[in-house]
Structures are given as C-alpha cells and as structure tokens.
Amino acid sequence: MAFTILIVFSAVFFFFYKIKHWRSKAPVEKRWLQTKANMALGSFLVAFGLNLLVYTRGTIDIVIGSIFTLLGLANVILGYKAYRHYLPQVIAEAEQATKNA
C-alpha cells in the first residue's frame, strides 16, 4: 500500500513539474524544472520497481522490477546532480529578472 501511495504522488509531482516547465519562460528555470520532473519520474520508477519486487508473481516481475528500480535510481541521482548544478543559475536568473522588472 505504501508503494502505491508513493507511485501516485510521484506521478502527480511529475505532471506538476512538467506543466510548470511548459509554462515557464526563463530558459534556466525550464531546465531546473525539467530536472525536478526527472527526479519525480525516477521516484515513480523506483516505487513501481520495488512494488514489483515485493509483490512478485514470477520471474518476469523480478527482472522488470530490478530494471525499473535501477533506472529510477539513476534518474533520481543524475537529476539531483543536475538540480544542484542549475540551482545557483536559477537564483541568479531570478535576481536578474527582479532587477529588470
């Protein structure tokens, strides 16, 4: 049940950040929001993969669950690195936008 809740929340956050990404005008902020969406997608894959591993019905569930978990972990880790990379740039872009406004 806990994995199901995490799957739903991850999917909701993914769509939330994707919509914010599409609506954003600032280029660096768009990349920053994309990394947040990638992390949410990664957490979705991890939760879905762990759900398959915990509630296995056969060998295919174990293989697919392992693949989803590994891909999700890669998405979360690389997304977090990109998030940290873009964060100072987003702050500088926001400060520049407030100065110009």
PDB file of N, CA and C in Angstrom:
ATOM      1  N   MET A   1       0.821  -1.200   0.000  1.00  0.00           N
ATOM      2  CA  MET A   1       0.000   0.000   0.000  1.00  0.00           C
ATOM      3  C   MET A   1       0.864   1.262   0.000  1.00  0.00           C
ATOM      4  N   ALA A   2       1.983   1.227   0.716  1.00  0.00           N
ATOM      5  CA  ALA A   2       2.849   2.398   0.783  1.00  0.00           C
ATOM      6  C   ALA A   2       3.457   2.706  -0.580  1.00  0.00           C
ATOM      7  N   PHE A   3       3.804   1.655  -1.332  1.00  0.00           N
ATOM      8  CA  PHE A   3       4.367   1.870  -2.658  1.00  0.00           C
ATOM      9  C   PHE A   3       3.331   2.474  -3.599  1.00  0.00           C
ATOM     10  N   THR A   4       2.095   2.065  -3.448  1.00  0.00           N
ATOM     11  CA  THR A   4       1.029   2.608  -4.292  1.00  0.00           C
ATOM     12  C   THR A   4       0.852   4.099  -4.058  1.00  0.00           C
ATOM     13  N   ILE A   5       0.900   4.509  -2.813  1.00  0.00           N
ATOM     14  CA  ILE A   5       0.778   5.934  -2.487  1.00  0.00           C
ATOM     15  C   ILE A   5       1.966   6.707  -3.047  1.00  0.00           C
ATOM     16  N   LEU A   6       3.162   6.142  -2.915  1.00  0.00           N
ATOM     17  CA  LEU A   6       4.356   6.796  -3.452  1.00  0.00           C
ATOM     18  C   LEU A   6       4.299   6.866  -4.977  1.00  0.00           C
ATOM     19  N   ILE A   7       3.770   5.838  -5.614  1.00  0.00           N
ATOM     20  CA  ILE A   7       3.622   5.848  -7.072  1.00  0.00           C
ATOM     21  C   ILE A   7       2.687   6.974  -7.501  1.00  0.00           C
ATOM     22  N   VAL A   8       1.570   7.117  -6.825  1.00  0.00           N
ATOM     23  CA  VAL A   8       0.596   8.158  -7.185  1.00  0.00           C
ATOM     24  C   VAL A   8       1.183   9.548  -6.948  1.00  0.00           C
ATOM     25  N   PHE A   9       1.825   9.767  -5.799  1.00  0.00           N
ATOM     26  CA  PHE A   9       2.408  11.079  -5.515  1.00  0.00           C
ATOM     27  C   PHE A   9       3.518  11.416  -6.502  1.00  0.00           C
ATOM     28  N   SER A  10       4.334  10.440  -6.851  1.00  0.00           N
ATOM     29  CA  SER A  10       5.410  10.687  -7.814  1.00  0.00           C
ATOM     30  C   SER A  10       4.843  11.069  -9.176  1.00  0.00           C
ATOM     31  N   ALA A  11       3.807  10.384  -9.600  1.00  0.00           N
ATOM     32  CA  ALA A  11       3.186  10.712 -10.885  1.00  0.00           C
ATOM     33  C   ALA A  11       2.582  12.112 -10.859  1.00  0.00           C
ATOM     34  N   VAL A  12       1.947  12.462  -9.755  1.00  0.00           N
ATOM     35  CA  VAL A  12       1.354  13.803  -9.632  1.00  0.00           C
ATOM     36  C   VAL A  12       2.439  14.876  -9.675  1.00  0.00           C
ATOM     37  N   PHE A  13       3.535  14.659  -8.938  1.00  0.00           N
ATOM     38  CA  PHE A  13       4.625  15.634  -8.963  1.00  0.00           C
ATOM     39  C   PHE A  13       5.269  15.714 -10.340  1.00  0.00           C
ATOM     40  N   PHE A  14       5.392  14.590 -11.035  1.00  0.00           N
ATOM     41  CA  PHE A  14       5.944  14.609 -12.381  1.00  0.00           C
ATOM     42  C   PHE A  14       5.100  15.499 -13.288  1.00  0.00           C
ATOM     43  N   PHE A  15       3.795  15.299 -13.294  1.00  0.00           N
ATOM     44  CA  PHE A  15       2.928  16.125 -14.144  1.00  0.00           C
ATOM     45  C   PHE A  15       2.917  17.579 -13.698  1.00  0.00           C
ATOM     46  N   PHE A  16       2.978  17.819 -12.391  1.00  0.00           N
ATOM     47  CA  PHE A  16       3.021  19.186 -11.863  1.00  0.00           C
ATOM     48  C   PHE A  16       4.247  19.924 -12.392  1.00  0.00           C
ATOM     49  N   TYR A  17       5.422  19.292 -12.301  1.00  0.00           N
ATOM     50  CA  TYR A  17       6.651  19.947 -12.756  1.00  0.00           C
ATOM     51  C   TYR A  17       6.710  20.044 -14.272  1.00  0.00           C
ATOM     52  N   LYS A  18       6.130  19.085 -14.978  1.00  0.00           N
ATOM     53  CA  LYS A  18       6.097  19.166 -16.431  1.00  0.00           C
ATOM     54  C   LYS A  18       5.230  20.342 -16.881  1.00  0.00           C
ATOM     55  N   ILE A  19       4.107  20.547 -16.235  1.00  0.00           N
ATOM     56  CA  ILE A  19       3.245  21.680 -16.582  1.00  0.00           C
ATOM     57  C   ILE A  19       3.946  22.992 -16.260  1.00  0.00           C
ATOM     58  N   LYS A  20       4.619  23.065 -15.106  1.00  0.00           N
ATOM     59  CA  LYS A  20       5.374  24.275 -14.774  1.00  0.00           C
ATOM     60  C   LYS A  20       6.493  24.507 -15.783  1.00  0.00           C
ATOM     61  N   HIS A  21       7.120  23.429 -16.237  1.00  0.00           N
ATOM     62  CA  HIS A  21       8.178  23.517 -17.238  1.00  0.00           C
ATOM     63  C   HIS A  21       7.636  24.107 -18.534  1.00  0.00           C
ATOM     64  N   TRP A  22       6.485  23.643 -18.984  1.00  0.00           N
ATOM     65  CA  TRP A  22       5.904  24.133 -20.217  1.00  0.00           C
ATOM     66  C   TRP A  22       5.478  25.590 -20.104  1.00  0.00           C
ATOM     67  N   ARG A  23       5.073  26.019 -18.921  1.00  0.00           N
ATOM     68  CA  ARG A  23       4.566  27.384 -18.745  1.00  0.00           C
ATOM     69  C   ARG A  23       5.667  28.393 -18.462  1.00  0.00           C
ATOM     70  N   SER A  24       6.844  27.919 -18.092  1.00  0.00           N
ATOM     71  CA  SER A  24       7.930  28.819 -17.733  1.00  0.00           C
ATOM     72  C   SER A  24       8.540  29.463 -18.976  1.00  0.00           C
ATOM     73  N   LYS A  25       8.935  30.705 -18.832  1.00  0.00           N
ATOM     74  CA  LYS A  25       9.556  31.438 -19.935  1.00  0.00           C
ATOM     75  C   LYS A  25      11.080  31.484 -19.807  1.00  0.00           C
ATOM     76  N   ALA A  26      11.589  31.461 -18.582  1.00  0.00           N
ATOM     77  CA  ALA A  26      13.024  31.583 -18.345  1.00  0.00           C
ATOM     78  C   ALA A  26      13.737  30.281 -18.738  1.00  0.00           C
ATOM     79  N   PRO A  27      14.794  30.366 -19.545  1.00  0.00           N
ATOM     80  CA  PRO A  27      15.433  29.142 -20.048  1.00  0.00           C
ATOM     81  C   PRO A  27      16.103  28.291 -18.964  1.00  0.00           C
ATOM     82  N   VAL A  28      16.782  28.920 -18.020  1.00  0.00           N
ATOM     83  CA  VAL A  28      17.441  28.136 -16.972  1.00  0.00           C
ATOM     84  C   VAL A  28      16.403  27.534 -16.028  1.00  0.00           C
ATOM     85  N   GLU A  29      15.358  28.292 -15.746  1.00  0.00           N
ATOM     86  CA  GLU A  29      14.299  27.766 -14.892  1.00  0.00           C
ATOM     87  C   GLU A  29      13.619  26.566 -15.552  1.00  0.00           C
ATOM     88  N   LYS A  30      13.482  26.596 -16.879  1.00  0.00           N
ATOM     89  CA  LYS A  30      12.894  25.465 -17.594  1.00  0.00           C
ATOM     90  C   LYS A  30      13.744  24.206 -17.396  1.00  0.00           C
ATOM     91  N   ARG A  31      15.070  24.342 -17.497  1.00  0.00           N
ATOM     92  CA  ARG A  31      15.947  23.181 -17.292  1.00  0.00           C
ATOM     93  C   ARG A  31      15.889  22.693 -15.854  1.00  0.00           C
ATOM     94  N   TRP A  32      15.799  23.638 -14.916  1.00  0.00           N
ATOM     95  CA  TRP A  32      15.722  23.294 -13.494  1.00  0.00           C
ATOM     96  C   TRP A  32      14.433  22.532 -13.192  1.00  0.00           C
ATOM     97  N   LEU A  33      13.322  22.996 -13.753  1.00  0.00           N
ATOM     98  CA  LEU A  33      12.053  22.309 -13.556  1.00  0.00           C
ATOM     99  C   LEU A  33      12.054  20.947 -14.239  1.00  0.00           C
ATOM    100  N   GLN A  34      12.755  20.834 -15.359  1.00  0.00           N
ATOM    101  CA  GLN A  34      12.868  19.541 -16.031  1.00  0.00           C
ATOM    102  C   GLN A  34      13.616  18.537 -15.160  1.00  0.00           C
ATOM    103  N   THR A  35      14.657  18.998 -14.460  1.00  0.00           N
ATOM    104  CA  THR A  35      15.387  18.076 -13.579  1.00  0.00           C
ATOM    105  C   THR A  35      14.506  17.641 -12.406  1.00  0.00           C
ATOM    106  N   LYS A  36      13.674  18.548 -11.911  1.00  0.00           N
ATOM    107  CA  LYS A  36      12.760  18.164 -10.836  1.00  0.00           C
ATOM    108  C   LYS A  36      11.745  17.140 -11.339  1.00  0.00           C
ATOM    109  N   ALA A  37      11.277  17.307 -12.575  1.00  0.00           N
ATOM    110  CA  ALA A  37      10.361  16.327 -13.160  1.00  0.00           C
ATOM    111  C   ALA A  37      11.064  14.989 -13.350  1.00  0.00           C
ATOM    112  N   ASN A  38      12.331  15.016 -13.753  1.00  0.00           N
ATOM    113  CA  ASN A  38      13.085  13.769 -13.905  1.00  0.00           C
ATOM    114  C   ASN A  38      13.258  13.055 -12.568  1.00  0.00           C
ATOM    115  N   MET A  39      13.478  13.801 -11.505  1.00  0.00           N
ATOM    116  CA  MET A  39      13.592  13.165 -10.186  1.00  0.00           C
ATOM    117  C   MET A  39      12.267  12.548  -9.764  1.00  0.00           C
ATOM    118  N   ALA A  40      11.169  13.217 -10.058  1.00  0.00           N
ATOM    119  CA  ALA A  40       9.854  12.662  -9.733  1.00  0.00           C
ATOM    120  C   ALA A  40       9.587  11.401 -10.555  1.00  0.00           C
ATOM    121  N   LEU A  41       9.969  11.417 -11.819  1.00  0.00           N
ATOM    122  CA  LEU A  41       9.816  10.227 -12.655  1.00  0.00           C
ATOM    123  C   LEU A  41      10.699   9.095 -12.137  1.00  0.00           C
ATOM    124  N   GLY A  42      11.897   9.438 -11.677  1.00  0.00           N
ATOM    125  CA  GLY A  42      12.784   8.433 -11.104  1.00  0.00           C
ATOM    126  C   GLY A  42      12.203   7.815  -9.846  1.00  0.00           C
ATOM    127  N   SER A  43      11.611   8.634  -8.995  1.00  0.00           N
ATOM    128  CA  SER A  43      10.997   8.081  -7.782  1.00  0.00           C
ATOM    129  C   SER A  43       9.783   7.223  -8.132  1.00  0.00           C
ATOM    130  N   PHE A  44       9.072   7.589  -9.202  1.00  0.00           N
ATOM    131  CA  PHE A  44       7.971   6.754  -9.688  1.00  0.00           C
ATOM    132  C   PHE A  44       8.499   5.388 -10.117  1.00  0.00           C
ATOM    133  N   LEU A  45       9.581   5.382 -10.884  1.00  0.00           N
ATOM    134  CA  LEU A  45      10.143   4.117 -11.347  1.00  0.00           C
ATOM    135  C   LEU A  45      10.672   3.274 -10.191  1.00  0.00           C
ATOM    136  N   VAL A  46      11.313   3.912  -9.220  1.00  0.00           N
ATOM    137  CA  VAL A  46      11.814   3.179  -8.059  1.00  0.00           C
ATOM    138  C   VAL A  46      10.658   2.550  -7.291  1.00  0.00           C
ATOM    139  N   ALA A  47       9.620   3.320  -7.033  1.00  0.00           N
ATOM    140  CA  ALA A  47       8.478   2.796  -6.278  1.00  0.00           C
ATOM    141  C   ALA A  47       7.784   1.673  -7.045  1.00  0.00           C
ATOM    142  N   PHE A  48       7.637   1.856  -8.348  1.00  0.00           N
ATOM    143  CA  PHE A  48       6.990   0.828  -9.161  1.00  0.00           C
ATOM    144  C   PHE A  48       7.842  -0.436  -9.201  1.00  0.00           C
ATOM    145  N   GLY A  49       9.154  -0.266  -9.350  1.00  0.00           N
ATOM    146  CA  GLY A  49      10.053  -1.413  -9.354  1.00  0.00           C
ATOM    147  C   GLY A  49      10.076  -2.148  -8.027  1.00  0.00           C
ATOM    148  N   LEU A  50      10.111  -1.395  -6.928  1.00  0.00           N
ATOM    149  CA  LEU A  50      10.094  -2.033  -5.610  1.00  0.00           C
ATOM    150  C   LEU A  50       8.760  -2.721  -5.348  1.00  0.00           C
ATOM    151  N   ASN A  51       7.691  -2.144  -5.856  1.00  0.00           N
ATOM    152  CA  ASN A  51       6.378  -2.776  -5.732  1.00  0.00           C
ATOM    153  C   ASN A  51       6.380  -4.125  -6.455  1.00  0.00           C
ATOM    154  N   LEU A  52       6.983  -4.164  -7.636  1.00  0.00           N
ATOM    155  CA  LEU A  52       7.075  -5.424  -8.362  1.00  0.00           C
ATOM    156  C   LEU A  52       7.971  -6.427  -7.635  1.00  0.00           C
ATOM    157  N   LEU A  53       9.030  -5.937  -7.003  1.00  0.00           N
ATOM    158  CA  LEU A  53       9.939  -6.845  -6.299  1.00  0.00           C
ATOM    159  C   LEU A  53       9.329  -7.386  -5.009  1.00  0.00           C
ATOM    160  N   VAL A  54       8.562  -6.563  -4.318  1.00  0.00           N
ATOM    161  CA  VAL A  54       7.967  -7.006  -3.056  1.00  0.00           C
ATOM    162  C   VAL A  54       6.804  -7.953  -3.294  1.00  0.00           C
ATOM    163  N   TYR A  55       5.971  -7.623  -4.256  1.00  0.00           N
ATOM    164  CA  TYR A  55       4.802  -8.452  -4.541  1.00  0.00           C
ATOM    165  C   TYR A  55       5.017  -9.218  -5.845  1.00  0.00           C
ATOM    166  N   THR A  56       6.002 -10.092  -5.869  1.00  0.00           N
ATOM    167  CA  THR A  56       6.346 -10.818  -7.089  1.00  0.00           C
ATOM    168  C   THR A  56       5.335 -11.913  -7.373  1.00  0.00           C
ATOM    169  N   ARG A  57       5.089 -12.096  -8.671  1.00  0.00           N
ATOM    170  CA  ARG A  57       4.235 -13.181  -9.125  1.00  0.00           C
ATOM    171  C   ARG A  57       5.025 -14.177  -9.959  1.00  0.00           C
ATOM    172  N   GLY A  58       6.220 -13.789 -10.355  1.00  0.00           N
ATOM    173  CA  GLY A  58       7.026 -14.682 -11.171  1.00  0.00           C
ATOM    174  C   GLY A  58       8.384 -14.081 -11.470  1.00  0.00           C
ATOM    175  N   THR A  59       9.123 -14.741 -12.324  1.00  0.00           N
ATOM    176  CA  THR A  59      10.476 -14.317 -12.668  1.00  0.00           C
ATOM    177  C   THR A  59      10.471 -13.005 -13.439  1.00  0.00           C
ATOM    178  N   ILE A  60       9.500 -12.816 -14.288  1.00  0.00           N
ATOM    179  CA  ILE A  60       9.444 -11.586 -15.087  1.00  0.00           C
ATOM    180  C   ILE A  60       9.263 -10.373 -14.183  1.00  0.00           C
ATOM    181  N   ASP A  61       8.482 -10.499 -13.125  1.00  0.00           N
ATOM    182  CA  ASP A  61       8.315  -9.397 -12.173  1.00  0.00           C
ATOM    183  C   ASP A  61       9.639  -9.022 -11.531  1.00  0.00           C
ATOM    184  N   ILE A  62      10.449 -10.006 -11.210  1.00  0.00           N
ATOM    185  CA  ILE A  62      11.749  -9.731 -10.589  1.00  0.00           C
ATOM    186  C   ILE A  62      12.668  -9.009 -11.568  1.00  0.00           C
ATOM    187  N   VAL A  63      12.703  -9.456 -12.810  1.00  0.00           N
ATOM    188  CA  VAL A  63      13.566  -8.832 -13.815  1.00  0.00           C
ATOM    189  C   VAL A  63      13.106  -7.405 -14.108  1.00  0.00           C
ATOM    190  N   ILE A  64      11.828  -7.233 -14.391  1.00  0.00           N
ATOM    191  CA  ILE A  64      11.304  -5.900 -14.702  1.00  0.00           C
ATOM    192  C   ILE A  64      11.421  -4.980 -13.493  1.00  0.00           C
ATOM    193  N   GLY A  65      11.130  -5.490 -12.297  1.00  0.00           N
ATOM    194  CA  GLY A  65      11.255  -4.680 -11.085  1.00  0.00           C
ATOM    195  C   GLY A  65      12.681  -4.228 -10.849  1.00  0.00           C
ATOM    196  N   SER A  66      13.644  -5.097 -11.110  1.00  0.00           N
ATOM    197  CA  SER A  66      15.059  -4.729 -10.951  1.00  0.00           C
ATOM    198  C   SER A  66      15.458  -3.658 -11.954  1.00  0.00           C
ATOM    199  N   ILE A  67      15.014  -3.809 -13.193  1.00  0.00           N
ATOM    200  CA  ILE A  67      15.341  -2.823 -14.227  1.00  0.00           C
ATOM    201  C   ILE A  67      14.725  -1.469 -13.886  1.00  0.00           C
ATOM    202  N   PHE A  68      13.455  -1.469 -13.505  1.00  0.00           N
ATOM    203  CA  PHE A  68      12.797  -0.205 -13.148  1.00  0.00           C
ATOM    204  C   PHE A  68      13.474   0.456 -11.948  1.00  0.00           C
ATOM    205  N   THR A  69      13.843  -0.338 -10.960  1.00  0.00           N
ATOM    206  CA  THR A  69      14.488   0.224  -9.770  1.00  0.00           C
ATOM    207  C   THR A  69      15.831   0.845 -10.123  1.00  0.00           C
ATOM    208  N   LEU A  70      16.620   0.157 -10.940  1.00  0.00           N
ATOM    209  CA  LEU A  70      17.929   0.694 -11.316  1.00  0.00           C
ATOM    210  C   LEU A  70      17.790   1.946 -12.189  1.00  0.00           C
ATOM    211  N   LEU A  71      16.887   1.920 -13.148  1.00  0.00           N
ATOM    212  CA  LEU A  71      16.671   3.110 -13.969  1.00  0.00           C
ATOM    213  C   LEU A  71      16.146   4.281 -13.147  1.00  0.00           C
ATOM    214  N   GLY A  72      15.262   3.994 -12.210  1.00  0.00           N
ATOM    215  CA  GLY A  72      14.735   5.043 -11.346  1.00  0.00           C
ATOM    216  C   GLY A  72      15.803   5.647 -10.457  1.00  0.00           C
ATOM    217  N   LEU A  73      16.665   4.802  -9.896  1.00  0.00           N
ATOM    218  CA  LEU A  73      17.765   5.309  -9.072  1.00  0.00           C
ATOM    219  C   LEU A  73      18.704   6.178  -9.899  1.00  0.00           C
ATOM    220  N   ALA A  74      19.002   5.753 -11.120  1.00  0.00           N
ATOM    221  CA  ALA A  74      19.854   6.569 -11.992  1.00  0.00           C
ATOM    222  C   ALA A  74      19.190   7.910 -12.278  1.00  0.00           C
ATOM    223  N   ASN A  75      17.890   7.912 -12.528  1.00  0.00           N
ATOM    224  CA  ASN A  75      17.152   9.159 -12.785  1.00  0.00           C
ATOM    225  C   ASN A  75      17.201  10.084 -11.577  1.00  0.00           C
ATOM    226  N   VAL A  76      16.995   9.538 -10.397  1.00  0.00           N
ATOM    227  CA  VAL A  76      16.998  10.359  -9.183  1.00  0.00           C
ATOM    228  C   VAL A  76      18.394  10.915  -8.915  1.00  0.00           C
ATOM    229  N   ILE A  77      19.423  10.091  -9.021  1.00  0.00           N
ATOM    230  CA  ILE A  77      20.788  10.535  -8.718  1.00  0.00           C
ATOM    231  C   ILE A  77      21.257  11.581  -9.728  1.00  0.00           C
ATOM    232  N   LEU A  78      21.086  11.296 -11.007  1.00  0.00           N
ATOM    233  CA  LEU A  78      21.515  12.263 -12.026  1.00  0.00           C
ATOM    234  C   LEU A  78      20.649  13.520 -12.005  1.00  0.00           C
ATOM    235  N   GLY A  79      19.374  13.367 -11.697  1.00  0.00           N
ATOM    236  CA  GLY A  79      18.509  14.529 -11.573  1.00  0.00           C
ATOM    237  C   GLY A  79      18.908  15.421 -10.410  1.00  0.00           C
ATOM    238  N   TYR A  80      19.309  14.800  -9.304  1.00  0.00           N
ATOM    239  CA  TYR A  80      19.740  15.592  -8.148  1.00  0.00           C
ATOM    240  C   TYR A  80      21.026  16.353  -8.458  1.00  0.00           C
ATOM    241  N   LYS A  81      21.945  15.710  -9.176  1.00  0.00           N
ATOM    242  CA  LYS A  81      23.178  16.402  -9.566  1.00  0.00           C
ATOM    243  C   LYS A  81      22.868  17.591 -10.474  1.00  0.00           C
ATOM    244  N   ALA A  82      21.963  17.394 -11.422  1.00  0.00           N
ATOM    245  CA  ALA A  82      21.576  18.493 -12.312  1.00  0.00           C
ATOM    246  C   ALA A  82      20.840  19.579 -11.535  1.00  0.00           C
ATOM    247  N   TYR A  83      20.008  19.183 -10.576  1.00  0.00           N
ATOM    248  CA  TYR A  83      19.290  20.154  -9.730  1.00  0.00           C
ATOM    249  C   TYR A  83      20.284  21.051  -9.000  1.00  0.00           C
ATOM    250  N   ARG A  84      21.308  20.443  -8.406  1.00  0.00           N
ATOM    251  CA  ARG A  84      22.326  21.226  -7.697  1.00  0.00           C
ATOM    252  C   ARG A  84      23.110  22.114  -8.649  1.00  0.00           C
ATOM    253  N   HIS A  85      23.296  21.655  -9.886  1.00  0.00           N
ATOM    254  CA  HIS A  85      24.027  22.444 -10.871  1.00  0.00           C
ATOM    255  C   HIS A  85      23.227  23.686 -11.290  1.00  0.00           C
ATOM    256  N   TYR A  86      21.931  23.516 -11.512  1.00  0.00           N
ATOM    257  CA  TYR A  86      21.105  24.618 -12.018  1.00  0.00           C
ATOM    258  C   TYR A  86      20.602  25.557 -10.929  1.00  0.00           C
ATOM    259  N   LEU A  87      20.601  25.136  -9.676  1.00  0.00           N
ATOM    260  CA  LEU A  87      20.044  25.963  -8.607  1.00  0.00           C
ATOM    261  C   LEU A  87      20.686  27.349  -8.513  1.00  0.00           C
ATOM    262  N   PRO A  88      22.027  27.471  -8.468  1.00  0.00           N
ATOM    263  CA  PRO A  88      22.590  28.831  -8.405  1.00  0.00           C
ATOM    264  C   PRO A  88      22.268  29.662  -9.644  1.00  0.00           C
ATOM    265  N   GLN A  89      22.189  29.007 -10.795  1.00  0.00           N
ATOM    266  CA  GLN A  89      21.864  29.732 -12.019  1.00  0.00           C
ATOM    267  C   GLN A  89      20.426  30.233 -12.000  1.00  0.00           C
ATOM    268  N   VAL A  90      19.531  29.445 -11.441  1.00  0.00           N
ATOM    269  CA  VAL A  90      18.131  29.861 -11.337  1.00  0.00           C
ATOM    270  C   VAL A  90      18.005  31.044 -10.383  1.00  0.00           C
ATOM    271  N   ILE A  91      18.741  30.999  -9.294  1.00  0.00           N
ATOM    272  CA  ILE A  91      18.708  32.109  -8.333  1.00  0.00           C
ATOM    273  C   ILE A  91      19.230  33.388  -8.998  1.00  0.00           C
ATOM    274  N   ALA A  92      20.334  33.268  -9.741  1.00  0.00           N
ATOM    275  CA  ALA A  92      20.881  34.442 -10.423  1.00  0.00           C
ATOM    276  C   ALA A  92      19.924  34.953 -11.484  1.00  0.00           C
ATOM    277  N   GLU A  93      19.269  34.040 -12.203  1.00  0.00           N
ATOM    278  CA  GLU A  93      18.298  34.436 -13.220  1.00  0.00           C
ATOM    279  C   GLU A  93      17.098  35.140 -12.603  1.00  0.00           C
ATOM    280  N   ALA A  94      16.643  34.662 -11.450  1.00  0.00           N
ATOM    281  CA  ALA A  94      15.520  35.292 -10.776  1.00  0.00           C
ATOM    282  C   ALA A  94      15.908  36.681 -10.253  1.00  0.00           C
ATOM    283  N   GLU A  95      17.118  36.811  -9.718  1.00  0.00           N
ATOM    284  CA  GLU A  95      17.578  38.118  -9.255  1.00  0.00           C
ATOM    285  C   GLU A  95      17.692  39.104 -10.412  1.00  0.00           C
ATOM    286  N   GLN A  96      18.182  38.625 -11.543  1.00  0.00           N
ATOM    287  CA  GLN A  96      18.288  39.474 -12.727  1.00  0.00           C
ATOM    288  C   GLN A  96      16.923  39.904 -13.221  1.00  0.00           C
ATOM    289  N   ALA A  97      15.950  39.004 -13.158  1.00  0.00           N
ATOM    290  CA  ALA A  97      14.604  39.332 -13.604  1.00  0.00           C
ATOM    291  C   ALA A  97      13.956  40.357 -12.691  1.00  0.00           C
ATOM    292  N   THR A  98      14.223  40.274 -11.382  1.00  0.00           N
ATOM    293  CA  THR A  98      13.645  41.268 -10.460  1.00  0.00           C
ATOM    294  C   THR A  98      14.315  42.626 -10.622  1.00  0.00           C
ATOM    295  N   LYS A  99      15.594  42.631 -10.989  1.00  0.00           N
ATOM    296  CA  LYS A  99      16.275  43.913 -11.228  1.00  0.00           C
ATOM    297  C   LYS A  99      15.736  44.589 -12.485  1.00  0.00           C
ATOM    298  N   ASN A 100      15.432  43.801 -13.494  1.00  0.00           N
ATOM    299  CA  ASN A 100      14.947  44.348 -14.756  1.00  0.00           C
ATOM    300  C   ASN A 100      13.462  44.721 -14.706  1.00  0.00           C
ATOM    301  N   ALA A 101      12.748  44.220 -13.728  1.00  0.00           N
ATOM    302  CA  ALA A 101      11.314  44.485 -13.663  1.00  0.00           C
ATOM    303  C   ALA A 101      10.994  45.824 -13.085  1.00  0.00           C
TER     304      ALA A 101
END
